[in-house]
N, C-alpha and C. Protein backbone atom coordinates (compact mmCIF):
# COMPACT_ATOMS: atom_id res chain seq x y z
N MET A 1 -28.34 55.98 113.77
CA MET A 1 -27.74 54.82 114.15
C MET A 1 -26.74 54.01 113.65
N ILE A 2 -25.98 53.17 114.68
CA ILE A 2 -24.73 53.26 114.73
C ILE A 2 -24.40 51.73 114.59
N ARG A 3 -23.78 51.12 113.82
CA ARG A 3 -23.78 49.55 113.58
C ARG A 3 -22.54 49.41 114.00
N SER A 4 -22.39 48.01 114.40
CA SER A 4 -20.66 47.78 114.68
C SER A 4 -20.31 46.50 114.00
N GLY A 5 -19.32 46.08 114.20
CA GLY A 5 -18.93 44.73 113.83
C GLY A 5 -17.40 44.50 114.25
N GLY A 6 -16.61 43.41 113.54
CA GLY A 6 -14.95 43.42 114.14
C GLY A 6 -14.81 41.79 113.63
N CYS A 7 -13.56 41.39 113.84
CA CYS A 7 -13.02 40.11 113.71
C CYS A 7 -13.60 39.19 114.52
N GLN A 8 -13.20 38.17 114.14
CA GLN A 8 -13.38 36.92 115.24
C GLN A 8 -12.83 36.64 116.33
N CYS A 9 -11.59 37.55 116.71
CA CYS A 9 -11.05 37.40 117.94
C CYS A 9 -10.82 38.61 118.70
N GLY A 10 -11.67 39.59 118.19
CA GLY A 10 -12.08 41.14 118.74
C GLY A 10 -10.69 41.84 118.81
N ALA A 11 -9.74 41.52 118.18
CA ALA A 11 -8.79 42.75 118.16
C ALA A 11 -9.13 44.21 116.98
N CYS A 12 -10.18 43.81 116.15
CA CYS A 12 -10.62 44.71 115.01
C CYS A 12 -11.80 44.95 115.60
N ARG A 13 -12.24 46.52 115.46
CA ARG A 13 -13.62 46.46 115.74
C ARG A 13 -14.02 47.93 114.67
N TYR A 14 -15.06 47.99 114.62
CA TYR A 14 -15.52 49.35 113.67
C TYR A 14 -16.90 49.49 113.81
N GLU A 15 -17.29 50.81 113.52
CA GLU A 15 -18.52 51.07 113.68
C GLU A 15 -18.80 51.91 111.98
N LEU A 16 -20.17 51.96 112.16
CA LEU A 16 -20.79 52.67 110.72
C LEU A 16 -21.75 53.34 111.23
N THR A 17 -22.19 54.56 110.77
CA THR A 17 -23.21 55.73 111.50
C THR A 17 -23.58 55.81 110.30
N ALA A 18 -24.12 55.34 109.14
CA ALA A 18 -24.96 55.53 108.10
C ALA A 18 -25.65 54.39 107.63
N ALA A 19 -27.02 54.39 107.09
CA ALA A 19 -27.76 53.55 106.59
C ALA A 19 -26.73 52.61 105.48
N PRO A 20 -26.86 51.52 105.23
CA PRO A 20 -26.07 50.83 103.79
C PRO A 20 -26.77 51.37 102.67
N LEU A 21 -25.85 51.28 101.81
CA LEU A 21 -26.13 51.87 100.28
C LEU A 21 -26.86 50.99 99.67
N GLY A 22 -26.35 49.63 99.62
CA GLY A 22 -26.46 48.43 99.48
C GLY A 22 -26.44 47.14 99.82
N VAL A 23 -26.79 45.72 99.37
CA VAL A 23 -26.11 44.60 99.85
C VAL A 23 -26.26 43.87 98.78
N PHE A 24 -25.23 43.25 98.59
CA PHE A 24 -24.49 42.27 97.58
C PHE A 24 -24.46 40.97 97.96
N VAL A 25 -24.91 39.90 96.99
CA VAL A 25 -24.24 38.69 97.39
C VAL A 25 -23.69 38.48 96.25
N CYS A 26 -22.48 38.02 96.10
CA CYS A 26 -21.33 37.83 95.03
C CYS A 26 -21.55 36.33 94.85
N HIS A 27 -21.67 35.93 93.72
CA HIS A 27 -21.13 34.28 93.66
C HIS A 27 -19.96 34.11 92.89
N CYS A 28 -18.89 34.84 93.03
CA CYS A 28 -17.47 35.19 91.92
C CYS A 28 -16.52 33.78 92.60
N ILE A 29 -15.75 33.58 91.67
CA ILE A 29 -14.94 32.34 92.95
C ILE A 29 -13.94 33.14 94.04
N GLU A 30 -13.75 34.71 93.59
CA GLU A 30 -12.59 34.87 94.62
C GLU A 30 -13.39 35.30 96.10
N CYS A 31 -14.95 35.44 96.02
CA CYS A 31 -15.34 35.71 97.19
C CYS A 31 -15.89 34.47 97.38
N ARG A 32 -16.13 33.32 96.92
CA ARG A 32 -16.27 31.77 97.52
C ARG A 32 -15.21 31.00 98.16
N ARG A 33 -13.93 32.14 97.95
CA ARG A 33 -13.05 31.20 98.45
C ARG A 33 -12.29 32.07 99.88
N GLN A 34 -12.80 33.19 99.40
CA GLN A 34 -12.63 34.24 100.53
C GLN A 34 -13.68 34.11 102.05
N SER A 35 -14.60 33.65 101.20
CA SER A 35 -15.58 33.49 102.29
C SER A 35 -15.63 31.74 103.05
N ALA A 36 -15.03 30.70 102.29
CA ALA A 36 -15.20 29.93 102.06
C ALA A 36 -16.70 29.30 101.82
N SER A 37 -17.67 29.39 101.39
CA SER A 37 -18.79 29.57 101.26
C SER A 37 -19.79 29.42 99.75
N ALA A 38 -20.55 29.55 99.84
CA ALA A 38 -21.29 29.47 98.31
C ALA A 38 -20.79 30.98 98.03
N PHE A 39 -21.15 31.74 98.49
CA PHE A 39 -21.04 33.11 98.22
C PHE A 39 -20.67 34.01 99.05
N GLY A 40 -20.35 35.46 98.89
CA GLY A 40 -19.67 36.41 99.83
C GLY A 40 -20.79 37.50 99.67
N ILE A 41 -20.81 38.15 101.00
CA ILE A 41 -22.19 39.20 101.11
C ILE A 41 -21.15 40.35 101.52
N SER A 42 -21.76 41.40 100.91
CA SER A 42 -20.99 42.92 101.12
C SER A 42 -22.02 43.80 101.52
N VAL A 43 -21.80 44.84 102.19
CA VAL A 43 -22.89 45.62 102.40
C VAL A 43 -22.05 47.09 102.39
N GLU A 44 -22.40 47.82 100.73
CA GLU A 44 -21.64 49.07 100.60
C GLU A 44 -22.27 50.24 101.52
N VAL A 45 -21.50 50.84 102.17
CA VAL A 45 -21.22 52.17 102.95
C VAL A 45 -20.31 53.07 102.53
N PRO A 46 -20.91 54.46 102.43
CA PRO A 46 -20.13 55.63 102.10
C PRO A 46 -18.95 55.56 103.24
N ARG A 47 -17.84 55.80 102.31
CA ARG A 47 -16.38 55.71 103.43
C ARG A 47 -16.52 56.88 104.25
N ALA A 48 -17.27 57.89 104.26
CA ALA A 48 -17.18 58.65 105.50
C ALA A 48 -17.94 58.22 106.56
N ALA A 49 -18.76 57.33 106.65
CA ALA A 49 -19.68 56.28 107.32
C ALA A 49 -18.87 55.51 108.26
N PHE A 50 -17.58 55.26 107.82
CA PHE A 50 -16.78 54.08 108.49
C PHE A 50 -15.78 54.59 109.45
N ARG A 51 -15.73 53.92 110.44
CA ARG A 51 -14.30 54.37 111.40
C ARG A 51 -13.76 52.89 112.20
N MET A 52 -12.72 52.53 111.95
CA MET A 52 -12.07 51.80 112.99
C MET A 52 -12.04 52.28 114.39
N VAL A 53 -12.46 51.37 115.38
CA VAL A 53 -12.52 51.73 116.66
C VAL A 53 -11.51 50.95 117.54
N ALA A 54 -10.96 50.23 116.96
CA ALA A 54 -10.15 49.40 117.80
C ALA A 54 -9.09 48.36 116.61
N GLY A 55 -7.64 48.49 116.44
CA GLY A 55 -6.90 47.52 115.73
C GLY A 55 -6.67 48.07 114.71
N THR A 56 -5.80 47.83 113.79
CA THR A 56 -5.59 47.78 112.59
C THR A 56 -5.22 46.90 111.81
N PRO A 57 -6.02 46.96 110.66
CA PRO A 57 -5.97 46.09 109.73
C PRO A 57 -4.93 45.82 108.82
N GLN A 58 -4.81 45.13 108.23
CA GLN A 58 -3.83 44.56 107.38
C GLN A 58 -4.21 44.93 106.20
N ARG A 59 -3.39 44.69 104.83
CA ARG A 59 -4.21 44.93 103.47
C ARG A 59 -3.41 44.30 102.76
N TRP A 60 -4.67 43.72 101.62
CA TRP A 60 -3.91 42.55 100.69
C TRP A 60 -4.65 43.19 99.41
N SER A 61 -3.94 43.56 98.36
CA SER A 61 -4.64 44.11 97.19
C SER A 61 -4.79 43.25 95.93
N ARG A 62 -5.39 42.93 95.09
CA ARG A 62 -5.62 42.23 94.22
C ARG A 62 -6.43 43.01 92.91
N THR A 63 -6.07 42.63 91.78
CA THR A 63 -6.94 43.19 90.34
C THR A 63 -8.16 42.19 90.32
N THR A 64 -9.17 42.68 90.02
CA THR A 64 -10.40 41.96 89.61
C THR A 64 -10.61 41.89 88.39
N ASP A 65 -11.19 40.80 87.82
CA ASP A 65 -11.92 40.66 86.38
C ASP A 65 -12.19 41.98 85.74
N SER A 66 -12.55 43.06 86.20
CA SER A 66 -12.82 44.37 85.44
C SER A 66 -11.49 45.33 85.37
N GLY A 67 -10.62 44.70 86.04
CA GLY A 67 -9.24 45.50 85.92
C GLY A 67 -9.06 46.40 87.16
N ARG A 68 -9.82 46.76 87.94
CA ARG A 68 -10.23 47.60 89.00
C ARG A 68 -8.93 46.82 90.39
N VAL A 69 -8.10 47.69 91.05
CA VAL A 69 -7.47 47.26 92.20
C VAL A 69 -8.19 47.19 93.37
N LEU A 70 -8.63 46.01 93.76
CA LEU A 70 -9.05 46.10 95.34
C LEU A 70 -8.76 45.85 96.33
N HIS A 71 -8.83 46.47 97.39
CA HIS A 71 -7.72 46.15 98.75
C HIS A 71 -8.79 45.68 99.46
N CYS A 72 -8.05 44.73 100.21
CA CYS A 72 -9.22 43.96 100.86
C CYS A 72 -8.39 44.41 102.62
N GLN A 73 -9.08 44.06 103.41
CA GLN A 73 -8.68 44.83 104.83
C GLN A 73 -9.05 43.45 106.07
N PHE A 74 -8.30 42.84 106.70
CA PHE A 74 -8.14 41.61 107.37
C PHE A 74 -7.82 42.05 108.74
N CYS A 75 -8.07 41.32 109.55
CA CYS A 75 -7.40 41.13 110.95
C CYS A 75 -6.13 40.79 110.97
N PRO A 76 -5.15 41.13 111.38
CA PRO A 76 -3.95 40.78 111.69
C PRO A 76 -3.37 39.26 112.40
N GLN A 77 -4.35 39.55 113.51
CA GLN A 77 -4.38 38.37 114.36
C GLN A 77 -4.92 36.98 114.20
N CYS A 78 -6.50 37.16 113.35
CA CYS A 78 -6.98 36.29 113.25
C CYS A 78 -7.27 35.72 112.01
N GLY A 79 -6.85 36.82 111.03
CA GLY A 79 -7.26 36.69 109.30
C GLY A 79 -8.63 36.82 109.17
N THR A 80 -9.73 37.00 109.77
CA THR A 80 -10.88 37.57 109.25
C THR A 80 -11.12 39.21 108.29
N ARG A 81 -11.78 38.13 107.21
CA ARG A 81 -11.83 39.80 106.36
C ARG A 81 -13.22 40.43 106.75
N LEU A 82 -12.62 41.72 106.78
CA LEU A 82 -13.39 43.09 107.60
C LEU A 82 -13.98 43.64 106.03
N TYR A 83 -13.43 44.03 105.31
CA TYR A 83 -14.20 44.94 104.41
C TYR A 83 -13.32 45.26 103.02
N HIS A 84 -13.82 45.19 101.80
CA HIS A 84 -12.88 46.00 101.03
C HIS A 84 -13.34 47.18 100.44
N CYS A 85 -12.26 47.53 99.66
CA CYS A 85 -12.78 49.20 98.70
C CYS A 85 -11.91 49.09 97.79
N GLY A 86 -12.02 50.32 96.85
CA GLY A 86 -11.22 50.31 95.88
C GLY A 86 -10.54 52.13 96.48
N ALA A 87 -10.48 52.63 95.22
CA ALA A 87 -9.42 54.42 95.75
C ALA A 87 -10.64 54.81 96.39
N PRO A 88 -9.98 55.64 97.22
CA PRO A 88 -10.86 57.01 97.64
C PRO A 88 -11.31 57.96 96.28
N PRO A 89 -12.43 58.32 96.57
CA PRO A 89 -13.16 58.68 97.66
C PRO A 89 -14.60 57.33 97.40
N GLY A 90 -14.55 56.60 97.08
CA GLY A 90 -15.41 55.49 96.61
C GLY A 90 -15.77 54.96 98.04
N PRO A 91 -17.18 54.12 98.01
CA PRO A 91 -17.51 53.58 98.99
C PRO A 91 -16.74 52.38 99.60
N ILE A 92 -17.30 51.68 100.82
CA ILE A 92 -16.42 50.74 101.58
C ILE A 92 -17.65 49.75 101.48
N PHE A 93 -16.80 48.59 101.08
CA PHE A 93 -18.15 47.30 101.36
C PHE A 93 -17.75 45.88 102.33
N ILE A 94 -18.28 46.48 103.36
CA ILE A 94 -17.91 45.39 104.81
C ILE A 94 -18.56 43.82 104.07
N LYS A 95 -17.46 43.08 105.07
CA LYS A 95 -18.22 42.03 104.77
C LYS A 95 -19.02 41.62 106.05
N GLY A 96 -19.87 41.05 105.12
CA GLY A 96 -21.31 40.83 105.86
C GLY A 96 -21.41 40.23 106.96
N GLY A 97 -20.60 38.97 107.26
CA GLY A 97 -20.51 38.01 108.51
C GLY A 97 -19.43 38.80 109.30
N SER A 98 -18.84 39.55 109.39
CA SER A 98 -18.10 40.80 110.36
C SER A 98 -19.08 41.74 111.13
N LEU A 99 -20.22 41.82 110.48
CA LEU A 99 -21.25 43.18 111.54
C LEU A 99 -21.50 42.24 112.27
N ASP A 100 -22.09 43.09 113.60
CA ASP A 100 -22.45 42.29 114.96
C ASP A 100 -24.14 41.78 114.70
N GLY A 101 -24.71 42.34 113.92
CA GLY A 101 -25.97 42.45 113.70
C GLY A 101 -26.14 41.70 112.44
N PRO A 102 -27.38 40.52 112.28
CA PRO A 102 -27.61 40.13 110.86
C PRO A 102 -27.78 40.97 109.69
N VAL A 103 -27.45 40.79 108.53
CA VAL A 103 -27.66 41.53 107.55
C VAL A 103 -29.08 41.25 106.73
N ASP A 104 -29.77 41.59 106.08
CA ASP A 104 -30.90 41.46 105.69
C ASP A 104 -31.19 41.22 104.17
N LEU A 105 -30.75 40.18 103.67
CA LEU A 105 -30.61 39.51 102.52
C LEU A 105 -31.87 39.71 101.49
N SER A 106 -33.25 40.39 102.07
CA SER A 106 -34.24 40.27 101.17
C SER A 106 -34.15 41.04 99.84
N GLN A 107 -33.61 42.27 100.31
CA GLN A 107 -33.54 42.97 99.07
C GLN A 107 -31.87 43.34 98.24
N ALA A 108 -31.21 42.13 98.27
CA ALA A 108 -30.08 41.84 98.01
C ALA A 108 -29.88 41.98 96.34
N THR A 109 -28.71 42.31 96.11
CA THR A 109 -28.36 42.01 94.64
C THR A 109 -27.34 41.38 94.32
N HIS A 110 -27.73 40.37 93.36
CA HIS A 110 -26.73 38.97 92.87
C HIS A 110 -26.19 39.43 91.95
N ILE A 111 -24.57 39.11 92.10
CA ILE A 111 -23.57 39.74 91.38
C ILE A 111 -22.47 38.17 91.15
N TRP A 112 -22.50 37.93 89.67
CA TRP A 112 -21.72 37.23 89.22
C TRP A 112 -22.31 35.72 89.24
N THR A 113 -23.26 36.08 89.23
CA THR A 113 -24.44 34.64 88.62
C THR A 113 -24.04 33.86 87.84
N SER A 114 -23.49 34.07 87.04
CA SER A 114 -22.73 33.09 85.72
C SER A 114 -21.74 32.32 86.51
N ARG A 115 -21.59 32.67 87.84
CA ARG A 115 -20.61 31.70 88.42
C ARG A 115 -21.04 31.27 89.52
N LYS A 116 -22.07 30.82 89.97
CA LYS A 116 -23.18 30.50 90.97
C LYS A 116 -22.89 29.07 91.03
N LEU A 117 -23.01 28.63 91.81
CA LEU A 117 -22.75 27.25 92.44
C LEU A 117 -23.73 26.25 92.22
N PRO A 118 -24.24 25.17 91.59
CA PRO A 118 -25.48 24.49 90.94
C PRO A 118 -25.81 24.17 92.52
N GLY A 119 -27.29 24.35 92.85
CA GLY A 119 -28.21 24.27 93.88
C GLY A 119 -28.15 25.12 94.68
N VAL A 120 -27.34 26.37 94.20
CA VAL A 120 -27.85 27.73 94.87
C VAL A 120 -29.17 28.53 94.52
N VAL A 121 -30.18 28.90 95.25
CA VAL A 121 -31.51 29.39 94.81
C VAL A 121 -31.44 30.80 94.86
N ILE A 122 -31.49 31.71 93.87
CA ILE A 122 -31.69 32.96 93.89
C ILE A 122 -33.33 33.51 94.19
N PRO A 123 -33.47 34.13 95.22
CA PRO A 123 -35.06 34.42 95.47
C PRO A 123 -35.58 35.01 93.87
N PRO A 124 -36.76 34.71 93.68
CA PRO A 124 -37.70 35.21 93.02
C PRO A 124 -37.74 36.56 92.71
N GLY A 125 -37.56 37.32 91.77
CA GLY A 125 -37.22 38.81 91.92
C GLY A 125 -36.38 39.50 92.13
N ALA A 126 -35.28 39.01 92.59
CA ALA A 126 -34.13 39.16 93.01
C ALA A 126 -33.63 39.86 91.66
N VAL A 127 -32.91 41.13 91.81
CA VAL A 127 -32.03 41.87 91.14
C VAL A 127 -30.72 41.12 90.91
N GLN A 128 -30.32 40.74 89.54
CA GLN A 128 -29.23 40.10 89.21
C GLN A 128 -28.24 40.25 88.11
N TYR A 129 -27.30 40.09 88.48
CA TYR A 129 -26.22 40.21 87.20
C TYR A 129 -25.30 39.12 86.75
N PRO A 130 -25.13 38.52 85.90
CA PRO A 130 -24.41 37.38 85.46
C PRO A 130 -22.71 38.12 85.67
N GLN A 131 -22.06 39.24 85.49
CA GLN A 131 -21.19 39.67 86.19
C GLN A 131 -21.24 40.82 86.98
N GLU A 132 -20.41 41.60 87.33
CA GLU A 132 -19.75 42.91 87.94
C GLU A 132 -20.86 44.09 87.58
N PRO A 133 -21.90 44.36 88.12
CA PRO A 133 -22.41 45.90 87.37
C PRO A 133 -21.36 46.74 87.14
N ASP A 134 -21.72 47.80 86.46
CA ASP A 134 -20.97 49.26 86.08
C ASP A 134 -21.25 49.91 87.32
């Protein structure tokens, strides 16, 4: 199964060759700012299953609340965030909106729910954490 995605302008494209390890809906302030929405969607994939097929993303790094460094990759032409990751060999977290096909959120794990915006409804029975899980 190969899934593909990329930025808004088409300069950066990638392929995934493995099924997602998980899907996360993050309600933290940083993800809300990055997505300009109520939450961010990240699809976790093995690093070895990800490859760029066009373009070279630029990187911006920041320290997270947990003290880890997060490397955020984006298109240098249009600014679309493509993915983020920590140090190798850890997984890559694809930004859900950059995938060509829809992301199934029915089994998504909701994180940073302590920062969830009022009015956002988390489905009953969804796995959720008030902060970032270990």
